[in-house]
Every structure is written in structure tokens, then in C-alpha cells.
């Protein structure tokens, strides 16, 4: 875990192994650690920085595509979710299923696909889940991937997995970090 230089509450979870990023074959190996599940436990660093325990739906993990990152090392951004993204995801919960499907609304001006993963811990590997749905020959490195904690309307906990494909011509660099708010305004609401 490292404290990111951006934002007072943002942390980075990095594997010890040298892995270039989301496009590295190492993240898809059957025996690869579930880096995003491990990063979810790192939300405790954000809680500590805020001096409070954040509800799971106010936190999001983000991995940027090869076009949307500045480092050539896999790292997971752990931070608060943007208020507008939180509202949009709460509305979309009724249409998010266990299958990857486009969200009905844009997030931060970009198209995302989403799927639901039930549970208090992240039992599925989001990298492998996304890769399994991509057309043959598609490089997962073109995608930004996010994991947002969530609650179903029934109160059951889980996760919304989100992915956006970079489209440089349309200003989308596949930076899932755009779903985060490095000022953590959601934690400071009355």
C-alpha cells in the first residue's frame, strides 16, 4: 500500500510482482492473485484517513487502461466515489445483473458496461470476468476497470464491476479513476 500524491484520502494497492498493468497476461493466469479483492481490504486505509468507517457504496477501486495510466506497473486506486456516480449506480442497480451489460446512462460522459457480484468480499476475479466476455483478439489493456461497493435495494451487499473501453478519438482514455473523487466529498455530506 502506498499513499497516492493526489488526494488526501487516495491510496494505491500494488502487487509486489512486476506486472505492467491490466493488459499483462499475469493478471489473467488461473493462479493469479485476485488483486482487486486484496485492494478492497485496503479501503481501511481510506477509513483511517477519514477517521470514520465509510459505507461500502461510497468507495470504489479503479484500474486505468494502458492509455489512461502514467505508470507501467499495475496499481489499484482506492478512494471515494463521486457523488454523481453513486447516484447513477444506485438508480442502475435494478438493471445490473450477473452478466456484463451496458449501463443505461453514461458515467463521467463515457459508456460503461457493468455486472453484479454478490457478497461482502469479492469472490470473483474482475480481470478474468471481463476478459471472458471480450471478443477474441481484444486486448483487455484497452479497458479501465472499477469495482464499486454496493447494496441491493434489499440491503444485501455486493459489488458493481464496471469497465470502459478506451476510445482516444472520443476523449475516453479508459481511465476508471474518473469515477473517484479525490476530495471525498461523499464523506463530508451532512
N, C-alpha and C. Protein backbone atom coordinates (compact mmCIF):
# COMPACT_ATOMS: atom_id res chain seq x y z
N UNK A 1 0.84 -1.18 0.00
CA UNK A 1 0.00 0.00 0.00
C UNK A 1 0.87 1.23 0.00
N UNK A 2 0.49 2.19 -0.82
CA UNK A 2 1.17 3.48 -0.85
C UNK A 2 0.13 4.58 -0.80
N UNK A 3 0.47 5.68 -0.18
CA UNK A 3 -0.38 6.87 -0.21
C UNK A 3 -0.13 7.56 -1.54
N UNK A 4 -1.21 7.78 -2.31
CA UNK A 4 -1.08 8.48 -3.59
C UNK A 4 -0.80 9.95 -3.32
N UNK A 5 -0.04 10.59 -4.20
CA UNK A 5 0.26 12.01 -4.03
C UNK A 5 -0.96 12.87 -4.33
N UNK A 6 -1.93 12.32 -5.06
CA UNK A 6 -3.16 13.05 -5.37
C UNK A 6 -4.22 12.72 -4.34
N UNK A 7 -4.88 13.72 -3.85
CA UNK A 7 -5.98 13.50 -2.93
C UNK A 7 -5.51 13.16 -1.53
N UNK A 8 -6.24 13.65 -0.57
CA UNK A 8 -5.87 13.43 0.83
C UNK A 8 -6.18 12.02 1.29
N UNK A 9 -7.11 11.34 0.60
CA UNK A 9 -7.59 10.05 1.09
C UNK A 9 -7.32 8.89 0.13
N UNK A 10 -6.70 9.13 -1.01
CA UNK A 10 -6.48 8.10 -2.02
C UNK A 10 -5.23 7.27 -1.71
N UNK A 11 -5.39 5.97 -1.83
CA UNK A 11 -4.28 5.04 -1.65
C UNK A 11 -4.13 4.19 -2.90
N UNK A 12 -2.96 3.62 -3.05
CA UNK A 12 -2.68 2.72 -4.17
C UNK A 12 -2.31 1.35 -3.62
N UNK A 13 -2.95 0.33 -4.15
CA UNK A 13 -2.59 -1.05 -3.82
C UNK A 13 -1.79 -1.57 -5.01
N UNK A 14 -0.56 -2.03 -4.73
CA UNK A 14 0.32 -2.52 -5.78
C UNK A 14 0.77 -3.94 -5.46
N UNK A 15 0.82 -4.80 -6.48
CA UNK A 15 1.39 -6.12 -6.24
C UNK A 15 2.91 -6.01 -6.07
N UNK A 16 3.47 -6.94 -5.34
CA UNK A 16 4.92 -6.98 -5.17
C UNK A 16 5.59 -7.39 -6.49
N UNK A 17 4.92 -8.27 -7.22
CA UNK A 17 5.46 -8.73 -8.50
C UNK A 17 5.42 -7.62 -9.54
N UNK A 18 6.33 -7.66 -10.47
CA UNK A 18 6.38 -6.69 -11.57
C UNK A 18 5.33 -7.08 -12.60
N UNK A 19 4.23 -6.31 -12.63
CA UNK A 19 3.13 -6.54 -13.58
C UNK A 19 2.84 -5.20 -14.23
N UNK A 20 2.93 -5.14 -15.54
CA UNK A 20 2.85 -3.85 -16.24
C UNK A 20 1.51 -3.16 -16.12
N UNK A 21 0.43 -3.88 -16.02
CA UNK A 21 -0.89 -3.24 -15.92
C UNK A 21 -1.99 -4.22 -16.25
N UNK A 22 -3.18 -3.68 -16.50
CA UNK A 22 -4.35 -4.51 -16.76
C UNK A 22 -4.16 -5.41 -17.99
N UNK A 23 -3.34 -5.01 -18.92
CA UNK A 23 -3.11 -5.80 -20.13
C UNK A 23 -2.09 -6.90 -19.98
N UNK A 24 -1.47 -7.00 -18.82
CA UNK A 24 -0.47 -8.04 -18.60
C UNK A 24 -1.12 -9.42 -18.53
N UNK A 25 -0.57 -10.40 -19.23
CA UNK A 25 -1.11 -11.76 -19.14
C UNK A 25 -1.09 -12.30 -17.72
N UNK A 26 -0.24 -11.75 -16.86
CA UNK A 26 -0.12 -12.23 -15.48
C UNK A 26 -1.42 -12.06 -14.69
N UNK A 27 -2.23 -11.04 -14.99
CA UNK A 27 -3.46 -10.83 -14.22
C UNK A 27 -4.54 -11.85 -14.58
N UNK A 28 -4.38 -12.53 -15.73
CA UNK A 28 -5.38 -13.48 -16.18
C UNK A 28 -5.01 -14.93 -15.90
N UNK A 29 -3.82 -15.18 -15.40
CA UNK A 29 -3.42 -16.56 -15.12
C UNK A 29 -4.36 -17.19 -14.09
N UNK A 30 -4.63 -18.47 -14.24
CA UNK A 30 -5.54 -19.14 -13.29
C UNK A 30 -5.08 -19.04 -11.83
N UNK A 31 -3.79 -18.99 -11.62
CA UNK A 31 -3.28 -18.92 -10.24
C UNK A 31 -2.93 -17.50 -9.79
N UNK A 32 -3.32 -16.50 -10.61
CA UNK A 32 -3.03 -15.11 -10.26
C UNK A 32 -3.84 -14.71 -9.03
N UNK A 33 -3.23 -13.93 -8.15
CA UNK A 33 -4.00 -13.42 -7.01
C UNK A 33 -5.16 -12.56 -7.50
N UNK A 34 -6.18 -12.47 -6.70
CA UNK A 34 -7.30 -11.58 -7.01
C UNK A 34 -6.93 -10.20 -6.48
N UNK A 35 -6.20 -9.45 -7.31
CA UNK A 35 -5.65 -8.17 -6.88
C UNK A 35 -6.73 -7.19 -6.43
N UNK A 36 -7.88 -7.23 -7.08
CA UNK A 36 -8.94 -6.30 -6.70
C UNK A 36 -9.60 -6.71 -5.38
N UNK A 37 -9.69 -7.99 -5.11
CA UNK A 37 -10.21 -8.43 -3.80
C UNK A 37 -9.25 -7.99 -2.70
N UNK A 38 -7.96 -8.12 -2.96
CA UNK A 38 -6.97 -7.67 -1.98
C UNK A 38 -7.05 -6.15 -1.79
N UNK A 39 -7.24 -5.43 -2.88
CA UNK A 39 -7.33 -3.97 -2.80
C UNK A 39 -8.58 -3.54 -2.02
N UNK A 40 -9.66 -4.32 -2.12
CA UNK A 40 -10.87 -3.97 -1.39
C UNK A 40 -10.60 -3.93 0.13
N UNK A 41 -9.77 -4.82 0.60
CA UNK A 41 -9.45 -4.79 2.03
C UNK A 41 -8.66 -3.54 2.39
N UNK A 42 -7.99 -2.95 1.42
CA UNK A 42 -7.19 -1.75 1.66
C UNK A 42 -8.06 -0.50 1.86
N UNK A 43 -9.38 -0.62 1.68
CA UNK A 43 -10.25 0.52 1.93
C UNK A 43 -10.14 0.99 3.37
N UNK A 44 -9.63 0.14 4.24
CA UNK A 44 -9.45 0.51 5.64
C UNK A 44 -8.48 1.68 5.78
N UNK A 45 -7.56 1.83 4.83
CA UNK A 45 -6.65 2.98 4.84
C UNK A 45 -7.42 4.28 4.60
N UNK A 46 -8.38 4.22 3.69
CA UNK A 46 -9.21 5.39 3.42
C UNK A 46 -10.04 5.72 4.66
N UNK A 47 -10.63 4.69 5.26
CA UNK A 47 -11.39 4.89 6.50
C UNK A 47 -10.53 5.57 7.56
N UNK A 48 -9.31 5.10 7.72
CA UNK A 48 -8.42 5.66 8.74
C UNK A 48 -8.09 7.13 8.44
N UNK A 49 -7.86 7.44 7.16
CA UNK A 49 -7.54 8.82 6.79
C UNK A 49 -8.74 9.74 7.03
N UNK A 50 -9.94 9.20 6.88
CA UNK A 50 -11.16 9.99 7.08
C UNK A 50 -11.63 9.98 8.54
N UNK A 51 -11.04 9.12 9.35
CA UNK A 51 -11.43 8.96 10.76
C UNK A 51 -12.88 8.52 10.90
N UNK A 52 -13.30 7.64 9.99
CA UNK A 52 -14.64 7.07 10.05
C UNK A 52 -14.72 5.86 9.13
N UNK A 53 -15.67 5.01 9.38
CA UNK A 53 -15.87 3.85 8.52
C UNK A 53 -16.86 4.25 7.44
N UNK A 54 -16.42 4.14 6.21
CA UNK A 54 -17.24 4.53 5.06
C UNK A 54 -18.20 3.39 4.69
N UNK A 55 -19.44 3.72 4.33
CA UNK A 55 -20.33 2.69 3.78
C UNK A 55 -19.71 2.13 2.50
N UNK A 56 -19.92 0.86 2.25
CA UNK A 56 -19.27 0.21 1.11
C UNK A 56 -19.62 0.87 -0.22
N UNK A 57 -20.81 1.44 -0.34
CA UNK A 57 -21.18 2.03 -1.63
C UNK A 57 -20.60 3.42 -1.85
N UNK A 58 -19.82 3.91 -0.90
CA UNK A 58 -19.17 5.20 -1.06
C UNK A 58 -17.68 5.07 -1.42
N UNK A 59 -17.27 3.83 -1.68
CA UNK A 59 -15.87 3.57 -2.05
C UNK A 59 -15.82 2.85 -3.39
N UNK A 60 -14.74 3.11 -4.12
CA UNK A 60 -14.58 2.47 -5.43
C UNK A 60 -13.09 2.23 -5.68
N UNK A 61 -12.81 1.12 -6.32
CA UNK A 61 -11.46 0.76 -6.76
C UNK A 61 -11.38 1.05 -8.25
N UNK A 62 -10.22 1.46 -8.72
CA UNK A 62 -10.08 1.75 -10.14
C UNK A 62 -8.72 1.32 -10.66
N UNK A 63 -8.74 0.72 -11.85
CA UNK A 63 -7.52 0.37 -12.59
C UNK A 63 -7.68 1.01 -13.96
N UNK A 64 -6.72 1.80 -14.35
CA UNK A 64 -6.79 2.51 -15.62
C UNK A 64 -6.23 1.66 -16.76
N UNK A 65 -6.73 1.92 -17.96
CA UNK A 65 -6.24 1.22 -19.14
C UNK A 65 -4.79 1.64 -19.42
N UNK A 66 -4.19 1.00 -20.40
CA UNK A 66 -2.81 1.36 -20.76
C UNK A 66 -2.73 2.78 -21.28
N UNK A 67 -3.85 3.33 -21.77
CA UNK A 67 -3.86 4.70 -22.27
C UNK A 67 -4.16 5.73 -21.17
N UNK A 68 -4.73 5.27 -20.07
CA UNK A 68 -5.16 6.17 -19.02
C UNK A 68 -4.30 6.16 -17.78
N UNK A 69 -3.14 5.53 -17.86
CA UNK A 69 -2.28 5.48 -16.67
C UNK A 69 -0.94 6.14 -16.98
N UNK A 70 -0.25 6.47 -15.92
CA UNK A 70 1.06 7.11 -16.07
C UNK A 70 2.20 6.19 -15.66
N UNK A 71 1.88 5.11 -14.97
CA UNK A 71 2.91 4.18 -14.50
C UNK A 71 2.83 2.88 -15.30
N UNK A 72 3.94 2.23 -15.46
CA UNK A 72 3.97 0.95 -16.16
C UNK A 72 4.05 -0.18 -15.13
N UNK A 73 3.22 -0.06 -14.11
CA UNK A 73 3.12 -1.05 -13.04
C UNK A 73 1.65 -1.11 -12.62
N UNK A 74 1.09 -2.30 -12.55
CA UNK A 74 -0.29 -2.45 -12.10
C UNK A 74 -0.45 -1.79 -10.75
N UNK A 75 -1.46 -0.95 -10.63
CA UNK A 75 -1.80 -0.36 -9.34
C UNK A 75 -3.30 -0.11 -9.32
N UNK A 76 -3.88 -0.28 -8.15
CA UNK A 76 -5.31 -0.11 -7.96
C UNK A 76 -5.53 1.13 -7.11
N UNK A 77 -6.27 2.08 -7.64
CA UNK A 77 -6.62 3.30 -6.89
C UNK A 77 -7.75 2.95 -5.93
N UNK A 78 -7.59 3.28 -4.67
CA UNK A 78 -8.59 3.02 -3.64
C UNK A 78 -9.03 4.39 -3.11
N UNK A 79 -10.29 4.75 -3.35
CA UNK A 79 -10.73 6.09 -2.95
C UNK A 79 -12.25 6.15 -2.90
N UNK A 80 -12.74 7.33 -2.58
CA UNK A 80 -14.18 7.60 -2.51
C UNK A 80 -14.77 7.71 -3.92
N UNK A 81 -16.05 7.42 -4.00
CA UNK A 81 -16.77 7.52 -5.26
C UNK A 81 -17.30 8.95 -5.45
N UNK A 82 -17.41 9.37 -6.67
CA UNK A 82 -18.02 10.68 -6.96
C UNK A 82 -19.51 10.61 -6.62
N UNK A 83 -20.04 11.71 -6.08
CA UNK A 83 -21.47 11.76 -5.72
C UNK A 83 -22.36 11.41 -6.90
N UNK A 84 -22.10 12.00 -8.07
CA UNK A 84 -22.93 11.75 -9.24
C UNK A 84 -22.88 10.30 -9.69
N UNK A 85 -21.72 9.68 -9.57
CA UNK A 85 -21.57 8.27 -9.94
C UNK A 85 -22.35 7.40 -8.95
N UNK A 86 -22.26 7.73 -7.67
CA UNK A 86 -23.01 6.99 -6.65
C UNK A 86 -24.51 7.03 -6.95
N UNK A 87 -25.03 8.20 -7.25
CA UNK A 87 -26.46 8.35 -7.56
C UNK A 87 -26.82 7.54 -8.80
N UNK A 88 -26.01 7.63 -9.84
CA UNK A 88 -26.28 6.89 -11.09
C UNK A 88 -26.25 5.38 -10.87
N UNK A 89 -25.30 4.90 -10.08
CA UNK A 89 -25.21 3.45 -9.84
C UNK A 89 -26.38 2.96 -8.99
N UNK A 90 -26.79 3.75 -8.03
CA UNK A 90 -27.96 3.36 -7.21
C UNK A 90 -29.19 3.23 -8.10
N UNK A 91 -29.37 4.13 -9.06
CA UNK A 91 -30.51 4.05 -9.98
C UNK A 91 -30.38 2.84 -10.90
N UNK A 92 -29.17 2.53 -11.32
CA UNK A 92 -28.94 1.44 -12.28
C UNK A 92 -28.99 0.06 -11.64
N UNK A 93 -28.98 -0.02 -10.31
CA UNK A 93 -28.95 -1.32 -9.65
C UNK A 93 -30.07 -2.25 -10.10
N UNK A 94 -31.20 -1.71 -10.47
CA UNK A 94 -32.33 -2.53 -10.88
C UNK A 94 -32.11 -3.24 -12.21
N UNK A 95 -31.15 -2.75 -13.01
CA UNK A 95 -30.90 -3.37 -14.32
C UNK A 95 -29.54 -4.06 -14.40
N UNK A 96 -28.75 -3.95 -13.36
CA UNK A 96 -27.43 -4.61 -13.35
C UNK A 96 -27.62 -6.07 -12.93
N UNK A 97 -27.10 -6.97 -13.75
CA UNK A 97 -27.24 -8.41 -13.48
C UNK A 97 -25.85 -9.04 -13.34
N UNK A 98 -25.81 -10.34 -13.28
CA UNK A 98 -24.53 -11.06 -13.17
C UNK A 98 -23.83 -11.18 -14.53
N UNK A 99 -24.44 -10.63 -15.57
CA UNK A 99 -23.85 -10.62 -16.91
C UNK A 99 -23.39 -9.19 -17.23
N UNK A 100 -22.26 -9.07 -17.92
CA UNK A 100 -21.79 -7.76 -18.34
C UNK A 100 -22.77 -7.18 -19.35
N UNK A 101 -23.29 -5.97 -19.06
CA UNK A 101 -24.20 -5.29 -19.97
C UNK A 101 -23.95 -3.80 -19.89
N UNK A 102 -24.24 -3.06 -20.97
CA UNK A 102 -24.07 -1.61 -20.93
C UNK A 102 -24.98 -0.97 -19.87
N UNK A 103 -24.45 0.01 -19.17
CA UNK A 103 -25.27 0.79 -18.25
C UNK A 103 -26.20 1.67 -19.08
N UNK A 104 -27.39 1.96 -18.57
CA UNK A 104 -28.33 2.79 -19.33
C UNK A 104 -27.88 4.25 -19.45
N UNK A 105 -27.04 4.72 -18.54
CA UNK A 105 -26.59 6.11 -18.57
C UNK A 105 -25.07 6.17 -18.62
N UNK A 106 -24.54 7.24 -19.18
CA UNK A 106 -23.10 7.45 -19.20
C UNK A 106 -22.61 7.78 -17.79
N UNK A 107 -21.38 7.43 -17.50
CA UNK A 107 -20.72 7.83 -16.26
C UNK A 107 -19.56 8.73 -16.64
N UNK A 108 -19.54 9.92 -16.11
CA UNK A 108 -18.49 10.90 -16.41
C UNK A 108 -18.36 11.11 -17.92
N UNK A 109 -19.48 10.99 -18.62
CA UNK A 109 -19.50 11.22 -20.06
C UNK A 109 -19.05 10.04 -20.90
N UNK A 110 -18.82 8.89 -20.28
CA UNK A 110 -18.33 7.72 -21.01
C UNK A 110 -19.25 6.51 -20.81
N UNK A 111 -19.26 5.66 -21.82
CA UNK A 111 -20.06 4.43 -21.79
C UNK A 111 -19.33 3.38 -20.94
N UNK A 112 -20.06 2.76 -20.03
CA UNK A 112 -19.53 1.68 -19.20
C UNK A 112 -20.42 0.45 -19.33
N UNK A 113 -19.82 -0.71 -19.19
CA UNK A 113 -20.56 -1.95 -19.02
C UNK A 113 -20.42 -2.31 -17.55
N UNK A 114 -21.41 -3.06 -17.05
CA UNK A 114 -21.41 -3.38 -15.62
C UNK A 114 -21.96 -4.77 -15.39
N UNK A 115 -21.60 -5.32 -14.24
CA UNK A 115 -22.18 -6.59 -13.78
C UNK A 115 -22.18 -6.59 -12.27
N UNK A 116 -23.03 -7.41 -11.70
CA UNK A 116 -23.19 -7.54 -10.25
C UNK A 116 -22.38 -8.74 -9.76
N UNK A 117 -21.78 -8.59 -8.58
CA UNK A 117 -21.12 -9.69 -7.89
C UNK A 117 -21.58 -9.63 -6.43
N UNK A 118 -22.30 -10.64 -5.99
CA UNK A 118 -22.85 -10.66 -4.64
C UNK A 118 -21.78 -10.99 -3.60
N UNK A 119 -22.01 -10.53 -2.38
CA UNK A 119 -21.16 -10.91 -1.26
C UNK A 119 -20.47 -9.75 -0.58
N UNK A 120 -19.97 -10.01 0.60
CA UNK A 120 -19.24 -8.98 1.34
C UNK A 120 -17.79 -8.90 0.89
N UNK A 121 -17.29 -10.00 0.33
CA UNK A 121 -15.94 -10.00 -0.22
C UNK A 121 -16.03 -10.33 -1.71
N UNK A 122 -15.02 -9.94 -2.45
CA UNK A 122 -15.02 -10.09 -3.90
C UNK A 122 -14.52 -11.49 -4.27
N UNK A 123 -15.47 -12.41 -4.44
CA UNK A 123 -15.11 -13.80 -4.70
C UNK A 123 -14.68 -14.05 -6.14
N UNK A 124 -15.15 -13.23 -7.08
CA UNK A 124 -14.74 -13.43 -8.47
C UNK A 124 -13.56 -12.52 -8.79
N UNK A 125 -12.80 -12.90 -9.80
CA UNK A 125 -11.68 -12.09 -10.24
C UNK A 125 -12.19 -11.18 -11.38
N UNK A 126 -12.33 -9.87 -11.13
CA UNK A 126 -12.88 -8.98 -12.16
C UNK A 126 -12.08 -8.96 -13.46
N UNK A 127 -10.75 -9.11 -13.39
CA UNK A 127 -9.96 -9.14 -14.63
C UNK A 127 -10.38 -10.31 -15.50
N UNK A 128 -10.47 -11.50 -14.91
CA UNK A 128 -10.84 -12.69 -15.68
C UNK A 128 -12.30 -12.62 -16.13
N UNK A 129 -13.18 -12.08 -15.28
CA UNK A 129 -14.58 -11.96 -15.64
C UNK A 129 -14.75 -11.08 -16.88
N UNK A 130 -14.08 -9.93 -16.88
CA UNK A 130 -14.17 -9.04 -18.04
C UNK A 130 -13.55 -9.69 -19.27
N UNK A 131 -12.36 -10.24 -19.14
CA UNK A 131 -11.65 -10.84 -20.27
C UNK A 131 -12.47 -11.95 -20.93
N UNK A 132 -13.22 -12.69 -20.12
CA UNK A 132 -14.02 -13.81 -20.65
C UNK A 132 -15.15 -13.33 -21.55
N UNK A 133 -15.55 -12.08 -21.45
CA UNK A 133 -16.66 -11.57 -22.25
C UNK A 133 -16.21 -10.81 -23.50
N UNK A 134 -14.92 -10.54 -23.60
CA UNK A 134 -14.42 -9.74 -24.72
C UNK A 134 -14.32 -10.58 -25.99
N UNK A 135 -14.57 -9.96 -27.14
CA UNK A 135 -14.41 -10.68 -28.41
C UNK A 135 -12.97 -11.17 -28.57
N UNK A 136 -12.80 -12.27 -29.25
CA UNK A 136 -11.47 -12.83 -29.48
C UNK A 136 -10.56 -11.78 -30.09
N UNK A 137 -9.35 -11.72 -29.59
CA UNK A 137 -8.36 -10.78 -30.11
C UNK A 137 -8.41 -9.40 -29.46
N UNK A 138 -9.38 -9.16 -28.58
CA UNK A 138 -9.48 -7.86 -27.91
C UNK A 138 -8.51 -7.85 -26.74
N UNK A 139 -7.74 -6.80 -26.64
CA UNK A 139 -6.76 -6.66 -25.57
C UNK A 139 -7.43 -6.00 -24.37
N UNK A 140 -7.45 -6.68 -23.23
CA UNK A 140 -8.05 -6.15 -22.02
C UNK A 140 -7.34 -4.87 -21.57
N UNK A 141 -6.13 -4.66 -22.04
CA UNK A 141 -5.38 -3.45 -21.70
C UNK A 141 -6.02 -2.18 -22.22
N UNK A 142 -6.97 -2.31 -23.13
CA UNK A 142 -7.70 -1.15 -23.65
C UNK A 142 -8.81 -0.70 -22.70
N UNK A 143 -9.03 -1.44 -21.63
CA UNK A 143 -10.14 -1.18 -20.73
C UNK A 143 -9.67 -0.62 -19.39
N UNK A 144 -10.48 0.27 -18.87
CA UNK A 144 -10.38 0.68 -17.48
C UNK A 144 -11.39 -0.15 -16.71
N UNK A 145 -11.06 -0.55 -15.50
CA UNK A 145 -11.91 -1.43 -14.70
C UNK A 145 -12.09 -0.82 -13.32
N UNK A 146 -13.32 -0.86 -12.84
CA UNK A 146 -13.61 -0.34 -11.50
C UNK A 146 -14.47 -1.34 -10.74
N UNK A 147 -14.35 -1.30 -9.44
CA UNK A 147 -15.17 -2.11 -8.55
C UNK A 147 -15.74 -1.18 -7.50
N UNK A 148 -17.06 -1.05 -7.51
CA UNK A 148 -17.74 -0.19 -6.54
C UNK A 148 -18.49 -1.07 -5.55
N UNK A 149 -18.30 -0.80 -4.28
CA UNK A 149 -19.10 -1.48 -3.28
C UNK A 149 -20.54 -1.04 -3.46
N UNK A 150 -21.49 -1.92 -3.13
CA UNK A 150 -22.90 -1.58 -3.34
C UNK A 150 -23.79 -2.39 -2.40
N UNK A 151 -25.03 -1.96 -2.32
CA UNK A 151 -26.09 -2.68 -1.61
C UNK A 151 -27.27 -2.80 -2.56
N UNK A 152 -27.86 -3.99 -2.63
CA UNK A 152 -29.11 -4.14 -3.36
C UNK A 152 -30.21 -3.41 -2.59
N UNK A 153 -31.33 -3.09 -3.23
CA UNK A 153 -32.43 -2.46 -2.50
C UNK A 153 -32.86 -3.27 -1.27
N UNK A 154 -32.65 -4.58 -1.29
CA UNK A 154 -32.98 -5.43 -0.14
C UNK A 154 -31.99 -5.27 1.00
N UNK A 155 -30.87 -4.57 0.74
CA UNK A 155 -29.84 -4.39 1.75
C UNK A 155 -28.69 -5.36 1.64
N UNK A 156 -28.80 -6.35 0.74
CA UNK A 156 -27.72 -7.33 0.59
C UNK A 156 -26.50 -6.66 -0.04
N UNK A 157 -25.31 -6.95 0.52
CA UNK A 157 -24.09 -6.32 0.00
C UNK A 157 -23.55 -7.03 -1.23
N UNK A 158 -22.80 -6.28 -1.99
CA UNK A 158 -22.14 -6.84 -3.16
C UNK A 158 -21.28 -5.79 -3.81
N UNK A 159 -21.02 -6.00 -5.09
CA UNK A 159 -20.14 -5.12 -5.85
C UNK A 159 -20.72 -4.89 -7.24
N UNK A 160 -20.49 -3.71 -7.75
CA UNK A 160 -20.76 -3.43 -9.15
C UNK A 160 -19.41 -3.35 -9.85
N UNK A 161 -19.20 -4.26 -10.79
CA UNK A 161 -17.99 -4.25 -11.60
C UNK A 161 -18.28 -3.40 -12.83
N UNK A 162 -17.37 -2.50 -13.14
CA UNK A 162 -17.56 -1.55 -14.24
C UNK A 162 -16.35 -1.57 -15.15
N UNK A 163 -16.58 -1.44 -16.44
CA UNK A 163 -15.47 -1.38 -17.39
C UNK A 163 -15.82 -0.41 -18.50
N UNK A 164 -14.81 0.32 -18.95
CA UNK A 164 -14.97 1.23 -20.08
C UNK A 164 -13.81 1.00 -21.04
N UNK A 165 -14.11 0.96 -22.32
CA UNK A 165 -13.07 0.76 -23.33
C UNK A 165 -12.56 2.11 -23.81
N UNK A 166 -11.25 2.23 -23.83
CA UNK A 166 -10.64 3.47 -24.31
C UNK A 166 -11.05 3.74 -25.74
N UNK A 167 -11.34 4.99 -26.02
CA UNK A 167 -11.63 5.46 -27.36
C UNK A 167 -11.02 6.86 -27.44
N UNK A 168 -9.75 6.90 -27.80
CA UNK A 168 -8.98 8.15 -27.76
C UNK A 168 -9.64 9.24 -28.59
N UNK A 169 -10.19 8.89 -29.75
CA UNK A 169 -10.83 9.86 -30.62
C UNK A 169 -12.03 10.55 -29.97
N UNK A 170 -12.65 9.88 -29.00
CA UNK A 170 -13.80 10.47 -28.29
C UNK A 170 -13.41 10.95 -26.90
N UNK A 171 -12.12 11.03 -26.62
CA UNK A 171 -11.67 11.55 -25.34
C UNK A 171 -11.78 10.59 -24.18
N UNK A 172 -11.95 9.31 -24.45
CA UNK A 172 -12.02 8.31 -23.39
C UNK A 172 -10.70 7.54 -23.37
N UNK A 173 -9.93 7.75 -22.34
CA UNK A 173 -8.63 7.08 -22.22
C UNK A 173 -8.72 5.80 -21.39
N UNK A 174 -9.93 5.37 -21.09
CA UNK A 174 -10.10 4.16 -20.30
C UNK A 174 -9.61 4.36 -18.87
N UNK A 175 -9.84 5.55 -18.37
CA UNK A 175 -9.39 5.88 -17.02
C UNK A 175 -10.55 5.72 -16.04
N UNK A 176 -10.69 4.53 -15.46
CA UNK A 176 -11.76 4.28 -14.49
C UNK A 176 -11.60 5.14 -13.24
N UNK A 177 -10.42 5.69 -13.06
CA UNK A 177 -10.18 6.58 -11.93
C UNK A 177 -11.11 7.80 -11.99
N UNK A 178 -11.68 8.09 -13.16
CA UNK A 178 -12.60 9.22 -13.29
C UNK A 178 -13.85 9.05 -12.43
N UNK A 179 -14.11 7.84 -11.96
CA UNK A 179 -15.28 7.57 -11.12
C UNK A 179 -15.02 7.94 -9.66
N UNK A 180 -13.77 8.25 -9.35
CA UNK A 180 -13.39 8.58 -7.99
C UNK A 180 -13.37 10.09 -7.76
N UNK A 181 -13.55 10.45 -6.50
CA UNK A 181 -13.48 11.84 -6.08
C UNK A 181 -12.35 11.94 -5.06
N UNK A 182 -11.24 12.53 -5.46
CA UNK A 182 -10.07 12.58 -4.59
C UNK A 182 -10.23 13.58 -3.43
N UNK A 183 -11.33 14.36 -3.45
CA UNK A 183 -11.62 15.22 -2.29
C UNK A 183 -12.55 14.52 -1.31
N UNK A 184 -13.12 13.42 -1.74
CA UNK A 184 -14.00 12.58 -0.91
C UNK A 184 -15.21 13.36 -0.38
N UNK A 185 -15.82 14.14 -1.25
CA UNK A 185 -16.99 14.94 -0.84
C UNK A 185 -18.10 14.09 -0.25
N UNK A 186 -18.24 12.86 -0.74
CA UNK A 186 -19.29 11.98 -0.25
C UNK A 186 -19.16 11.74 1.25
N UNK A 187 -17.97 11.80 1.78
CA UNK A 187 -17.75 11.57 3.21
C UNK A 187 -18.07 12.81 4.05
N UNK A 188 -18.20 13.93 3.39
CA UNK A 188 -18.40 15.18 4.11
C UNK A 188 -19.82 15.73 3.96
N UNK A 189 -20.72 14.89 3.40
CA UNK A 189 -22.11 15.32 3.28
C UNK A 189 -22.74 15.42 4.66
N UNK A 190 -23.71 16.35 4.84
CA UNK A 190 -24.38 16.46 6.13
C UNK A 190 -25.27 15.26 6.39
